[in-house]
Amino acid sequence: MNPGITALAYFIFWIAGVCESVLISQWPRYISSISSGRAEIHCYQNDTDYDYLYWYKQLGGREIQLIVYLLAGTANFETDFKSGFEAVQTKKQWSLTISSVQEKDEAVYLCAASHTLQ
């Protein structure tokens, strides 16, 4: 079985209890990759006022894990994700790359944005 990565078009959005009309899009919706292949997921938001951009991973209905947050284009990875992942930001878009997909990478990946560190 080839491991696949599921990137559902979900977004998580926090603004201190206030909801604003901001579009956050994530693509592709699904990714299939052969083992050791490279996988990329992208997010776009139509409001450049969000300082913190996030990538999360959820394995089979378990707790959501923070992979990385980006602040001013600098990626800050959680300990378990410091190798094998890359995260970049270009203005309104941010991307996550898994450099060598393994079976353990099969999960739902989510992007998010906020004004403050969550």
Protein backbone atom coordinates (compact mmCIF):
# COMPACT_ATOMS: atom_id res chain seq x y z
CA MET A 1 0.00 0.00 0.00
CA ASN A 2 1.37 3.40 -0.96
CA PRO A 3 1.07 5.94 1.80
CA GLY A 4 -1.10 8.87 0.88
CA ILE A 5 -1.58 12.24 2.39
CA THR A 6 -5.02 13.68 2.81
CA ALA A 7 -5.17 17.44 2.82
CA LEU A 8 -8.80 18.34 3.31
CA ALA A 9 -9.97 21.81 2.50
CA TYR A 10 -10.34 22.68 6.14
CA PHE A 11 -9.22 25.72 7.95
CA ILE A 12 -9.03 26.67 11.58
CA PHE A 13 -9.49 30.30 12.37
CA TRP A 14 -9.06 32.14 15.66
CA ILE A 15 -9.51 35.83 16.34
CA ALA A 16 -10.03 36.32 20.07
CA GLY A 17 -13.67 35.32 19.81
CA VAL A 18 -14.43 37.60 16.85
CA CYS A 19 -15.13 36.18 13.43
CA GLU A 20 -14.21 38.19 10.36
CA SER A 21 -14.88 37.51 6.72
CA VAL A 22 -11.55 36.10 5.59
CA LEU A 23 -11.04 33.46 2.93
CA ILE A 24 -8.53 30.71 3.68
CA SER A 25 -8.10 28.10 0.95
CA GLN A 26 -6.04 24.93 1.10
CA TRP A 27 -5.00 22.77 -1.85
CA PRO A 28 -4.71 20.14 -3.13
CA ARG A 29 -7.54 18.38 -1.37
CA TYR A 30 -5.90 14.95 -1.66
CA ILE A 31 -2.35 13.87 -2.37
CA SER A 32 -1.13 10.41 -3.21
CA SER A 33 2.59 9.88 -3.19
CA ILE A 34 4.79 6.88 -3.51
CA SER A 35 7.06 6.15 -0.59
CA SER A 36 10.10 8.44 -0.53
CA GLY A 37 8.34 10.86 -2.88
CA ARG A 38 7.88 14.56 -2.18
CA ALA A 39 4.52 16.10 -1.24
CA GLU A 40 3.48 19.76 -1.11
CA ILE A 41 0.40 21.38 0.41
CA HIS A 42 -0.49 25.05 0.06
CA CYS A 43 -2.69 27.61 1.81
CA TYR A 44 -3.85 31.05 0.74
CA GLN A 45 -5.52 33.78 2.77
CA ASN A 46 -6.95 37.00 1.36
CA ASP A 47 -5.96 39.14 4.37
CA THR A 48 -2.27 39.99 4.81
CA ASP A 49 -2.89 41.20 8.36
CA TYR A 50 -2.36 37.76 9.91
CA ASP A 51 1.09 37.47 11.44
CA TYR A 52 0.95 33.80 12.45
CA LEU A 53 0.42 31.05 9.88
CA TYR A 54 0.16 27.40 10.97
CA TRP A 55 0.30 23.83 9.73
CA TYR A 56 -1.28 21.00 11.75
CA LYS A 57 -1.43 17.22 11.36
CA GLN A 58 -4.15 14.84 12.53
CA LEU A 59 -3.65 11.08 12.46
CA GLY A 60 -6.77 8.92 12.18
CA GLY A 61 -9.14 10.78 14.49
CA ARG A 62 -6.48 11.49 17.12
CA GLU A 63 -5.54 14.83 18.61
CA ILE A 64 -4.42 17.57 16.21
CA GLN A 65 -0.67 18.26 16.41
CA LEU A 66 1.03 21.54 15.57
CA ILE A 67 3.77 20.96 12.98
CA VAL A 68 5.01 24.50 12.48
CA TYR A 69 4.05 28.13 12.71
CA LEU A 70 5.46 30.87 10.50
CA LEU A 71 6.08 34.39 11.73
CA ALA A 72 7.48 37.00 9.33
CA GLY A 73 8.47 34.18 6.97
CA THR A 74 10.46 32.29 9.62
CA ALA A 75 9.42 28.67 10.24
CA ASN A 76 9.28 27.52 13.88
CA PHE A 77 8.93 23.72 13.91
CA GLU A 78 7.76 21.61 16.81
CA THR A 79 10.35 19.10 18.06
CA ASP A 80 8.84 16.03 16.33
CA PHE A 81 8.79 17.81 12.95
CA LYS A 82 12.21 19.45 12.75
CA SER A 83 13.43 17.08 10.04
CA GLY A 84 11.70 15.99 6.85
CA PHE A 85 9.44 19.06 6.65
CA GLU A 86 9.86 22.48 5.06
CA ALA A 87 7.56 25.47 5.45
CA VAL A 88 7.70 28.70 3.45
CA GLN A 89 5.62 31.85 3.19
CA THR A 90 5.20 34.24 0.29
CA LYS A 91 2.88 37.13 1.21
CA LYS A 92 -0.63 35.64 1.32
CA GLN A 93 0.40 32.04 0.64
CA TRP A 94 2.21 29.48 2.78
CA SER A 95 3.27 25.96 1.92
CA LEU A 96 4.28 22.76 3.66
CA THR A 97 6.57 20.23 2.00
CA ILE A 98 7.24 16.70 3.17
CA SER A 99 10.58 15.95 1.59
CA SER A 100 10.39 12.14 1.70
CA VAL A 101 6.89 10.77 2.31
CA GLN A 102 6.72 7.78 4.65
CA GLU A 103 3.76 5.69 5.77
CA LYS A 104 3.71 7.60 9.09
CA ASP A 105 2.91 10.80 7.13
CA GLU A 106 -0.54 9.56 6.09
CA ALA A 107 -2.83 12.04 7.86
CA VAL A 108 -5.12 15.03 7.52
CA TYR A 109 -3.17 18.29 7.24
CA LEU A 110 -4.74 21.61 8.20
CA CYS A 111 -3.66 25.22 7.79
CA ALA A 112 -4.65 28.17 9.95
CA ALA A 113 -3.94 31.86 10.49
CA SER A 114 -4.23 34.19 13.47
CA HIS A 115 -3.21 37.60 14.80
CA THR A 116 -1.52 36.11 17.88
CA LEU A 117 0.38 32.94 18.71
CA GLN A 118 -2.09 30.15 19.55
